[in-house]
C-alpha cells in the first residue's frame, strides 16, 4: 500500500490539490487507532484509515471539500454503530471516531526573470515561503552555484533556468497561474518577456520593475499589437503602494515580496470562502 506521505509528495509534484485525512480521536472500538492517515485527491487515494463505511464516508467528504475549493480544515465525528448508518452503510465496531480533513492546496508558483541585485534579494525573501520558485536569467553567472548560495536552505522548491538567448521561451513551460516578475538587466529583454507573457493564457499576474517613463514607452509599443485591457494586466511599479521609495535592492525586494505574498493570501482566502 502506498504511504500517505508518498501521496502528499506525488500531489505536490503533479501540482494537484488533495486532502489529508487523519483520525484524531477514537472512543471504543474502531478499525484504526488515532493518528491513522490517508490522502485523497479527486481521483485517487493513498493509505487507509481502516476501510469500510468510515473510510468511504471520509473520501466522499474530502472530495466534496475539494470540489468546493475549501481551504480551511474541517472536523467531524462519526459513530460506528448499526444504529447510526452513514452515507455508505453501517459499521458495527461500536466506537466513535473523530476525523480531521486538511486541504492540501497547490502551492503558488512565482517566476523571477532577472536574478541580479534586486532579483536575488527578492528570491531570498520568497525562498523562505512554501512556493514553487522559478529563477530565469540569460546570464549564466547569475545562476551559478556561488551566486545562488544564499538559497541553499530554501523552503521553496527552487527551479533554475538559464536561457542564454531568448529567456521568454520558458514562459510556456511555467505552471498554470504562475505569477511573473520581470526585472532583468536589459530593457529590451524586459519588453520581450512582458510581451510574450501577455500572450500566454495560463499565467497569473505580471509585474514589471522600473520607472513610469519606462512603462510609458513599453505600454505604447505593446498597444500596437495588443488590446488595452490585456496590456493593463501588467502591474508596475511592483511593491507595496505608499511605501517610501528606495533604490536599495533589499528594500525594493522586501516591498515587492510583501505585495506579492499579500496578493497570494487574498487569493487563497477568496478561494477558501
C-alpha atoms as a PDB file:
ATOM      1  CA  UNK A   1       0.000   0.000   0.000  1.00  0.00           C
ATOM      2  CA  UNK A   2       1.322   3.425  -0.926  1.00  0.00           C
ATOM      3  CA  UNK A   3       2.026   5.614   2.109  1.00  0.00           C
ATOM      4  CA  UNK A   4       0.113   8.812   2.801  1.00  0.00           C
ATOM      5  CA  UNK A   5       3.279  10.921   2.648  1.00  0.00           C
ATOM      6  CA  UNK A   6       4.037   9.488  -0.799  1.00  0.00           C
ATOM      7  CA  UNK A   7       0.571  10.709  -1.760  1.00  0.00           C
ATOM      8  CA  UNK A   8       1.344  14.208  -0.499  1.00  0.00           C
ATOM      9  CA  UNK A   9       4.651  14.259  -2.382  1.00  0.00           C
ATOM     10  CA  UNK A  10       3.016  12.973  -5.560  1.00  0.00           C
ATOM     11  CA  UNK A  11       0.268  15.582  -5.493  1.00  0.00           C
ATOM     12  CA  UNK A  12       2.741  18.396  -4.883  1.00  0.00           C
ATOM     13  CA  UNK A  13       4.917  17.245  -7.760  1.00  0.00           C
ATOM     14  CA  UNK A  14       1.895  16.997 -10.055  1.00  0.00           C
ATOM     15  CA  UNK A  15       0.509  20.318  -8.784  1.00  0.00           C
ATOM     16  CA  UNK A  16      -2.823  18.740  -7.902  1.00  0.00           C
ATOM     17  CA  UNK A  17      -4.893  19.554  -4.790  1.00  0.00           C
ATOM     18  CA  UNK A  18      -5.787  16.922  -2.235  1.00  0.00           C
ATOM     19  CA  UNK A  19      -6.978  16.382   1.321  1.00  0.00           C
ATOM     20  CA  UNK A  20      -5.078  14.840   4.222  1.00  0.00           C
ATOM     21  CA  UNK A  21      -7.476  12.726   6.292  1.00  0.00           C
ATOM     22  CA  UNK A  22      -6.470  11.987   9.902  1.00  0.00           C
ATOM     23  CA  UNK A  23      -8.204  10.017  12.641  1.00  0.00           C
ATOM     24  CA  UNK A  24      -7.687  12.379  15.578  1.00  0.00           C
ATOM     25  CA  UNK A  25      -9.639  10.622  18.327  1.00  0.00           C
ATOM     26  CA  UNK A  26     -11.108   7.175  18.961  1.00  0.00           C
ATOM     27  CA  UNK A  27     -13.541   6.141  21.687  1.00  0.00           C
ATOM     28  CA  UNK A  28     -14.278   2.440  21.966  1.00  0.00           C
ATOM     29  CA  UNK A  29     -13.571   0.107  19.067  1.00  0.00           C
ATOM     30  CA  UNK A  30     -12.582   1.363  15.604  1.00  0.00           C
ATOM     31  CA  UNK A  31     -10.762  -0.028  12.531  1.00  0.00           C
ATOM     32  CA  UNK A  32      -7.645   2.121  13.145  1.00  0.00           C
ATOM     33  CA  UNK A  33      -6.115   3.960  16.045  1.00  0.00           C
ATOM     34  CA  UNK A  34      -5.877   7.732  16.438  1.00  0.00           C
ATOM     35  CA  UNK A  35      -3.182   9.103  14.146  1.00  0.00           C
ATOM     36  CA  UNK A  36      -4.074   6.927  11.154  1.00  0.00           C
ATOM     37  CA  UNK A  37      -3.888   8.960   7.941  1.00  0.00           C
ATOM     38  CA  UNK A  38      -4.736   8.803   4.277  1.00  0.00           C
ATOM     39  CA  UNK A  39      -4.618  11.215   1.345  1.00  0.00           C
ATOM     40  CA  UNK A  40      -7.493  11.802  -1.048  1.00  0.00           C
ATOM     41  CA  UNK A  41      -7.468  13.501  -4.456  1.00  0.00           C
ATOM     42  CA  UNK A  42     -10.267  13.923  -6.975  1.00  0.00           C
ATOM     43  CA  UNK A  43      -9.496  10.524  -8.487  1.00  0.00           C
ATOM     44  CA  UNK A  44      -7.132   8.615  -6.176  1.00  0.00           C
ATOM     45  CA  UNK A  45      -6.406   7.678  -2.571  1.00  0.00           C
ATOM     46  CA  UNK A  46      -3.227   6.773  -0.703  1.00  0.00           C
ATOM     47  CA  UNK A  47      -3.028   4.688   2.517  1.00  0.00           C
ATOM     48  CA  UNK A  48      -6.087   3.908   4.658  1.00  0.00           C
ATOM     49  CA  UNK A  49      -7.894   4.888   7.827  1.00  0.00           C
ATOM     50  CA  UNK A  50      -9.499   1.455   8.150  1.00  0.00           C
ATOM     51  CA  UNK A  51     -11.758   0.870   5.187  1.00  0.00           C
ATOM     52  CA  UNK A  52     -15.492   0.269   5.343  1.00  0.00           C
ATOM     53  CA  UNK A  53     -18.104   2.957   5.845  1.00  0.00           C
ATOM     54  CA  UNK A  54     -15.690   5.095   7.885  1.00  0.00           C
ATOM     55  CA  UNK A  55     -13.222   5.408   5.027  1.00  0.00           C
ATOM     56  CA  UNK A  56     -15.829   5.674   2.268  1.00  0.00           C
ATOM     57  CA  UNK A  57     -17.537   8.491   4.161  1.00  0.00           C
ATOM     58  CA  UNK A  58     -14.210  10.285   4.674  1.00  0.00           C
ATOM     59  CA  UNK A  59     -13.355  10.019   0.966  1.00  0.00           C
ATOM     60  CA  UNK A  60     -16.756  11.426  -0.005  1.00  0.00           C
ATOM     61  CA  UNK A  61     -16.411  14.329   2.439  1.00  0.00           C
ATOM     62  CA  UNK A  62     -12.851  15.020   1.284  1.00  0.00           C
ATOM     63  CA  UNK A  63     -13.867  15.160  -2.365  1.00  0.00           C
ATOM     64  CA  UNK A  64     -16.795  17.421  -1.533  1.00  0.00           C
ATOM     65  CA  UNK A  65     -14.315  19.737   0.197  1.00  0.00           C
ATOM     66  CA  UNK A  66     -12.057  19.593  -2.860  1.00  0.00           C
ATOM     67  CA  UNK A  67     -14.848  20.365  -5.330  1.00  0.00           C
ATOM     68  CA  UNK A  68     -15.926  23.340  -3.211  1.00  0.00           C
ATOM     69  CA  UNK A  69     -12.372  24.717  -3.172  1.00  0.00           C
ATOM     70  CA  UNK A  70     -12.288  24.635   0.614  1.00  0.00           C
ATOM     71  CA  UNK A  71      -9.091  25.963   2.171  1.00  0.00           C
ATOM     72  CA  UNK A  72      -9.885  25.506   5.870  1.00  0.00           C
ATOM     73  CA  UNK A  73      -9.621  22.248   7.835  1.00  0.00           C
ATOM     74  CA  UNK A  74     -12.861  20.530   8.808  1.00  0.00           C
ATOM     75  CA  UNK A  75     -13.524  18.031  11.580  1.00  0.00           C
ATOM     76  CA  UNK A  76     -16.435  15.680  12.204  1.00  0.00           C
ATOM     77  CA  UNK A  77     -17.315  12.792  14.499  1.00  0.00           C
ATOM     78  CA  UNK A  78     -18.793   9.518  13.291  1.00  0.00           C
ATOM     79  CA  UNK A  79     -20.460   6.761  15.321  1.00  0.00           C
ATOM     80  CA  UNK A  80     -19.576   3.231  14.191  1.00  0.00           C
ATOM     81  CA  UNK A  81     -22.846   1.604  15.175  1.00  0.00           C
ATOM     82  CA  UNK A  82     -25.550  -0.294  13.318  1.00  0.00           C
ATOM     83  CA  UNK A  83     -27.957   2.245  14.810  1.00  0.00           C
ATOM     84  CA  UNK A  84     -26.115   5.139  13.164  1.00  0.00           C
ATOM     85  CA  UNK A  85     -25.908   4.428   9.410  1.00  0.00           C
ATOM     86  CA  UNK A  86     -23.568   6.577   7.367  1.00  0.00           C
ATOM     87  CA  UNK A  87     -23.547   7.560   3.736  1.00  0.00           C
ATOM     88  CA  UNK A  88     -22.242   4.148   2.674  1.00  0.00           C
ATOM     89  CA  UNK A  89     -23.997   1.798   5.073  1.00  0.00           C
ATOM     90  CA  UNK A  90     -23.232   0.773   8.648  1.00  0.00           C
ATOM     91  CA  UNK A  91     -20.117  -0.252  10.536  1.00  0.00           C
ATOM     92  CA  UNK A  92     -20.630  -2.172  13.756  1.00  0.00           C
ATOM     93  CA  UNK A  93     -17.358  -1.683  15.623  1.00  0.00           C
ATOM     94  CA  UNK A  94     -19.257   0.107  18.376  1.00  0.00           C
ATOM     95  CA  UNK A  95     -16.871   3.014  18.758  1.00  0.00           C
ATOM     96  CA  UNK A  96     -16.824   6.694  17.855  1.00  0.00           C
ATOM     97  CA  UNK A  97     -14.210   8.304  15.643  1.00  0.00           C
ATOM     98  CA  UNK A  98     -13.272  11.943  15.062  1.00  0.00           C
ATOM     99  CA  UNK A  99     -11.776  12.713  11.659  1.00  0.00           C
ATOM    100  CA  UNK A 100      -9.885  15.812  10.520  1.00  0.00           C
ATOM    101  CA  UNK A 101      -9.874  16.865   6.852  1.00  0.00           C
ATOM    102  CA  UNK A 102      -6.970  19.162   5.940  1.00  0.00           C
ATOM    103  CA  UNK A 103      -6.872  20.645   2.429  1.00  0.00           C
ATOM    104  CA  UNK A 104      -3.573  20.269   0.590  1.00  0.00           C
ATOM    105  CA  UNK A 105      -3.672  23.136  -1.895  1.00  0.00           C
ATOM    106  CA  UNK A 106      -1.462  23.525  -4.930  1.00  0.00           C
ATOM    107  CA  UNK A 107       1.426  25.708  -3.820  1.00  0.00           C
ATOM    108  CA  UNK A 108       1.698  29.095  -5.564  1.00  0.00           C
ATOM    109  CA  UNK A 109       4.281  29.437  -8.332  1.00  0.00           C
ATOM    110  CA  UNK A 110       6.387  32.540  -8.925  1.00  0.00           C
ATOM    111  CA  UNK A 111       8.870  33.186 -11.741  1.00  0.00           C
ATOM    112  CA  UNK A 112      11.556  35.845 -11.377  1.00  0.00           C
ATOM    113  CA  UNK A 113      13.068  36.913 -14.690  1.00  0.00           C
ATOM    114  CA  UNK A 114      16.400  38.533 -13.882  1.00  0.00           C
ATOM    115  CA  UNK A 115      18.434  37.363 -10.898  1.00  0.00           C
ATOM    116  CA  UNK A 116      20.563  40.465 -10.458  1.00  0.00           C
ATOM    117  CA  UNK A 117      20.862  42.556  -7.306  1.00  0.00           C
ATOM    118  CA  UNK A 118      17.120  43.028  -6.801  1.00  0.00           C
ATOM    119  CA  UNK A 119      16.142  39.659  -8.228  1.00  0.00           C
ATOM    120  CA  UNK A 120      18.440  37.747  -5.893  1.00  0.00           C
ATOM    121  CA  UNK A 121      17.243  39.707  -2.856  1.00  0.00           C
ATOM    122  CA  UNK A 122      13.665  39.017  -3.912  1.00  0.00           C
ATOM    123  CA  UNK A 123      14.452  35.317  -4.344  1.00  0.00           C
ATOM    124  CA  UNK A 124      15.991  35.233  -0.858  1.00  0.00           C
ATOM    125  CA  UNK A 125      12.758  36.515   0.692  1.00  0.00           C
ATOM    126  CA  UNK A 126      10.412  34.344  -1.368  1.00  0.00           C
ATOM    127  CA  UNK A 127      12.548  31.240  -0.844  1.00  0.00           C
ATOM    128  CA  UNK A 128      11.562  31.290   2.840  1.00  0.00           C
ATOM    129  CA  UNK A 129       7.954  30.506   1.862  1.00  0.00           C
ATOM    130  CA  UNK A 130       6.175  27.401   0.598  1.00  0.00           C
ATOM    131  CA  UNK A 131       6.290  28.266  -3.089  1.00  0.00           C
ATOM    132  CA  UNK A 132       7.443  26.873  -6.404  1.00  0.00           C
ATOM    133  CA  UNK A 133      10.081  29.439  -7.317  1.00  0.00           C
ATOM    134  CA  UNK A 134      11.458  29.689 -10.868  1.00  0.00           C
ATOM    135  CA  UNK A 135      14.598  31.754 -11.434  1.00  0.00           C
ATOM    136  CA  UNK A 136      15.271  32.718 -15.049  1.00  0.00           C
ATOM    137  CA  UNK A 137      18.268  34.607 -16.414  1.00  0.00           C
ATOM    138  CA  UNK A 138      20.162  34.894 -19.673  1.00  0.00           C
ATOM    139  CA  UNK A 139      23.443  35.338 -17.753  1.00  0.00           C
ATOM    140  CA  UNK A 140      24.977  32.075 -16.604  1.00  0.00           C
ATOM    141  CA  UNK A 141      26.971  33.739 -13.833  1.00  0.00           C
ATOM    142  CA  UNK A 142      23.764  34.988 -12.193  1.00  0.00           C
ATOM    143  CA  UNK A 143      22.599  31.399 -11.752  1.00  0.00           C
ATOM    144  CA  UNK A 144      25.901  29.826 -10.689  1.00  0.00           C
ATOM    145  CA  UNK A 145      26.141  27.771  -7.538  1.00  0.00           C
ATOM    146  CA  UNK A 146      28.102  30.571  -5.874  1.00  0.00           C
ATOM    147  CA  UNK A 147      25.581  33.244  -6.854  1.00  0.00           C
ATOM    148  CA  UNK A 148      22.639  31.222  -5.549  1.00  0.00           C
ATOM    149  CA  UNK A 149      24.390  30.071  -2.360  1.00  0.00           C
ATOM    150  CA  UNK A 150      22.056  32.230  -0.204  1.00  0.00           C
ATOM    151  CA  UNK A 151      19.168  29.986  -1.318  1.00  0.00           C
ATOM    152  CA  UNK A 152      20.691  26.694  -0.190  1.00  0.00           C
ATOM    153  CA  UNK A 153      18.378  26.420   2.821  1.00  0.00           C
ATOM    154  CA  UNK A 154      15.272  27.428   0.861  1.00  0.00           C
ATOM    155  CA  UNK A 155      11.843  26.241   1.944  1.00  0.00           C
ATOM    156  CA  UNK A 156      10.563  26.845  -1.587  1.00  0.00           C
ATOM    157  CA  UNK A 157      11.133  24.392  -4.409  1.00  0.00           C
ATOM    158  CA  UNK A 158      13.651  26.353  -6.496  1.00  0.00           C
ATOM    159  CA  UNK A 159      13.953  25.735 -10.247  1.00  0.00           C
ATOM    160  CA  UNK A 160      16.806  27.393 -12.133  1.00  0.00           C
ATOM    161  CA  UNK A 161      16.516  28.192 -15.854  1.00  0.00           C
ATOM    162  CA  UNK A 162      19.499  29.506 -17.789  1.00  0.00           C
ATOM    163  CA  UNK A 163      18.151  30.675 -21.161  1.00  0.00           C
ATOM    164  CA  UNK A 164      21.039  32.487 -22.872  1.00  0.00           C
ATOM    165  CA  UNK A 165      19.285  33.805 -25.973  1.00  0.00           C
ATOM    166  CA  UNK A 166      15.508  34.024 -25.588  1.00  0.00           C
ATOM    167  CA  UNK A 167      14.513  33.801 -21.892  1.00  0.00           C
ATOM    168  CA  UNK A 168      10.835  34.380 -22.690  1.00  0.00           C
ATOM    169  CA  UNK A 169      10.684  30.875 -24.198  1.00  0.00           C
ATOM    170  CA  UNK A 170      10.469  29.426 -20.680  1.00  0.00           C
ATOM    171  CA  UNK A 171       7.062  31.073 -20.184  1.00  0.00           C
ATOM    172  CA  UNK A 172       5.198  28.248 -21.916  1.00  0.00           C
ATOM    173  CA  UNK A 173       6.740  25.724 -19.515  1.00  0.00           C
ATOM    174  CA  UNK A 174       5.678  27.524 -16.332  1.00  0.00           C
ATOM    175  CA  UNK A 175       2.809  26.007 -14.308  1.00  0.00           C
ATOM    176  CA  UNK A 176      -0.712  27.450 -14.725  1.00  0.00           C
ATOM    177  CA  UNK A 177      -1.275  30.523 -12.585  1.00  0.00           C
ATOM    178  CA  UNK A 178       2.427  31.345 -12.193  1.00  0.00           C
ATOM    179  CA  UNK A 179       2.993  34.947 -11.143  1.00  0.00           C
ATOM    180  CA  UNK A 180       5.690  36.557 -13.282  1.00  0.00           C
ATOM    181  CA  UNK A 181       8.067  39.264 -12.083  1.00  0.00           C
ATOM    182  CA  UNK A 182      10.233  40.926 -14.728  1.00  0.00           C
ATOM    183  CA  UNK A 183      13.407  42.668 -13.569  1.00  0.00           C
ATOM    184  CA  UNK A 184      16.244  41.785 -15.920  1.00  0.00           C
ATOM    185  CA  UNK A 185      19.388  43.806 -16.612  1.00  0.00           C
ATOM    186  CA  UNK A 186      18.199  44.753 -20.111  1.00  0.00           C
ATOM    187  CA  UNK A 187      15.134  46.831 -21.017  1.00  0.00           C
ATOM    188  CA  UNK A 188      14.866  45.081 -24.379  1.00  0.00           C
ATOM    189  CA  UNK A 189      14.780  41.742 -22.577  1.00  0.00           C
ATOM    190  CA  UNK A 190      12.193  43.086 -20.150  1.00  0.00           C
ATOM    191  CA  UNK A 191       9.977  44.153 -23.025  1.00  0.00           C
ATOM    192  CA  UNK A 192      10.260  40.829 -24.842  1.00  0.00           C
ATOM    193  CA  UNK A 193       9.324  38.908 -21.686  1.00  0.00           C
ATOM    194  CA  UNK A 194       6.368  41.152 -20.851  1.00  0.00           C
ATOM    195  CA  UNK A 195       5.108  40.999 -24.429  1.00  0.00           C
ATOM    196  CA  UNK A 196       5.345  37.203 -24.500  1.00  0.00           C
ATOM    197  CA  UNK A 197       3.806  36.815 -21.031  1.00  0.00           C
ATOM    198  CA  UNK A 198       0.765  38.856 -22.029  1.00  0.00           C
ATOM    199  CA  UNK A 199       0.186  36.420 -24.886  1.00  0.00           C
ATOM    200  CA  UNK A 200       0.156  33.390 -22.553  1.00  0.00           C
ATOM    201  CA  UNK A 201      -3.304  32.495 -21.312  1.00  0.00           C
ATOM    202  CA  UNK A 202      -2.131  30.268 -18.469  1.00  0.00           C
ATOM    203  CA  UNK A 203      -0.116  32.782 -16.427  1.00  0.00           C
ATOM    204  CA  UNK A 204      -1.141  34.781 -13.384  1.00  0.00           C
ATOM    205  CA  UNK A 205      -0.254  38.371 -12.544  1.00  0.00           C
ATOM    206  CA  UNK A 206       2.640  40.035 -14.376  1.00  0.00           C
ATOM    207  CA  UNK A 207       4.815  42.559 -12.538  1.00  0.00           C
ATOM    208  CA  UNK A 208       7.432  44.849 -14.067  1.00  0.00           C
ATOM    209  CA  UNK A 209      10.138  46.785 -12.255  1.00  0.00           C
ATOM    210  CA  UNK A 210      11.008  50.267 -13.463  1.00  0.00           C
ATOM    211  CA  UNK A 211      10.048  53.901 -13.732  1.00  0.00           C
ATOM    212  CA  UNK A 212       6.845  55.412 -15.065  1.00  0.00           C
ATOM    213  CA  UNK A 213       8.797  56.628 -18.121  1.00  0.00           C
ATOM    214  CA  UNK A 214       9.883  53.065 -18.877  1.00  0.00           C
ATOM    215  CA  UNK A 215       6.313  51.810 -18.620  1.00  0.00           C
ATOM    216  CA  UNK A 216       5.007  54.631 -20.811  1.00  0.00           C
ATOM    217  CA  UNK A 217       7.369  53.541 -23.580  1.00  0.00           C
ATOM    218  CA  UNK A 218       6.566  49.859 -23.096  1.00  0.00           C
ATOM    219  CA  UNK A 219       2.811  50.434 -22.997  1.00  0.00           C
ATOM    220  CA  UNK A 220       2.854  52.467 -26.198  1.00  0.00           C
ATOM    221  CA  UNK A 221       4.696  49.692 -28.039  1.00  0.00           C
ATOM    222  CA  UNK A 222       2.541  46.927 -26.586  1.00  0.00           C
ATOM    223  CA  UNK A 223      -0.661  48.711 -27.658  1.00  0.00           C
ATOM    224  CA  UNK A 224       0.481  48.403 -31.262  1.00  0.00           C
ATOM    225  CA  UNK A 225      -0.447  44.713 -31.207  1.00  0.00           C
ATOM    226  CA  UNK A 226      -2.417  44.066 -28.013  1.00  0.00           C
ATOM    227  CA  UNK A 227      -5.697  45.485 -26.663  1.00  0.00           C
ATOM    228  CA  UNK A 228      -5.512  47.920 -23.750  1.00  0.00           C
ATOM    229  CA  UNK A 229      -7.303  45.559 -21.333  1.00  0.00           C
ATOM    230  CA  UNK A 230      -4.578  42.969 -21.948  1.00  0.00           C
ATOM    231  CA  UNK A 231      -1.680  45.421 -21.692  1.00  0.00           C
ATOM    232  CA  UNK A 232      -3.027  46.872 -18.474  1.00  0.00           C
ATOM    233  CA  UNK A 233      -2.712  43.486 -16.773  1.00  0.00           C
ATOM    234  CA  UNK A 234       0.889  44.481 -16.133  1.00  0.00           C
ATOM    235  CA  UNK A 235       1.439  45.710 -12.587  1.00  0.00           C
ATOM    236  CA  UNK A 236       4.080  48.412 -12.411  1.00  0.00           C
ATOM    237  CA  UNK A 237       5.785  49.576 -10.347  1.00  0.00           C
ATOM    238  CA  UNK A 238       5.973  46.409  -8.246  1.00  0.00           C
ATOM    239  CA  UNK A 239       5.811  46.646  -4.476  1.00  0.00           C
ATOM    240  CA  UNK A 240       3.510  47.960  -1.793  1.00  0.00           C
ATOM    241  CA  UNK A 241       1.710  51.180  -2.619  1.00  0.00           C
ATOM    242  CA  UNK A 242       2.591  54.029  -0.295  1.00  0.00           C
ATOM    243  CA  UNK A 243       5.894  52.582   0.855  1.00  0.00           C
ATOM    244  CA  UNK A 244       8.718  55.129   0.791  1.00  0.00           C
ATOM    245  CA  UNK A 245      10.624  54.821  -2.458  1.00  0.00           C
ATOM    246  CA  UNK A 246      14.089  53.358  -2.051  1.00  0.00           C
ATOM    247  CA  UNK A 247      16.738  52.366  -4.570  1.00  0.00           C
ATOM    248  CA  UNK A 248      18.327  49.875  -2.212  1.00  0.00           C
ATOM    249  CA  UNK A 249      17.918  46.371  -3.737  1.00  0.00           C
ATOM    250  CA  UNK A 250      16.959  44.753  -0.442  1.00  0.00           C
ATOM    251  CA  UNK A 251      14.321  47.407   0.259  1.00  0.00           C
ATOM    252  CA  UNK A 252      12.821  47.058  -3.220  1.00  0.00           C
ATOM    253  CA  UNK A 253      12.802  43.279  -2.825  1.00  0.00           C
ATOM    254  CA  UNK A 254      11.078  43.375   0.571  1.00  0.00           C
ATOM    255  CA  UNK A 255       8.380  45.696  -0.764  1.00  0.00           C
ATOM    256  CA  UNK A 256       7.843  43.554  -3.879  1.00  0.00           C
ATOM    257  CA  UNK A 257       7.759  40.326  -1.879  1.00  0.00           C
ATOM    258  CA  UNK A 258       5.300  41.770   0.634  1.00  0.00           C
ATOM    259  CA  UNK A 259       2.938  42.882  -2.132  1.00  0.00           C
ATOM    260  CA  UNK A 260       3.152  39.512  -3.869  1.00  0.00           C
ATOM    261  CA  UNK A 261       2.613  37.471  -0.699  1.00  0.00           C
ATOM    262  CA  UNK A 262      -0.332  39.684   0.256  1.00  0.00           C
ATOM    263  CA  UNK A 263      -1.883  39.069  -3.175  1.00  0.00           C
ATOM    264  CA  UNK A 264      -1.415  35.314  -2.780  1.00  0.00           C
ATOM    265  CA  UNK A 265      -3.009  35.460   0.668  1.00  0.00           C
ATOM    266  CA  UNK A 266      -6.011  37.378  -0.656  1.00  0.00           C
ATOM    267  CA  UNK A 267      -6.447  34.892  -3.475  1.00  0.00           C
ATOM    268  CA  UNK A 268      -6.210  31.918  -1.091  1.00  0.00           C
ATOM    269  CA  UNK A 269      -8.701  33.465   1.335  1.00  0.00           C
ATOM    270  CA  UNK A 270     -11.130  34.237  -1.519  1.00  0.00           C
ATOM    271  CA  UNK A 271     -10.943  30.697  -2.900  1.00  0.00           C
ATOM    272  CA  UNK A 272     -11.454  29.238   0.539  1.00  0.00           C
ATOM    273  CA  UNK A 273     -14.612  31.285   1.053  1.00  0.00           C
END
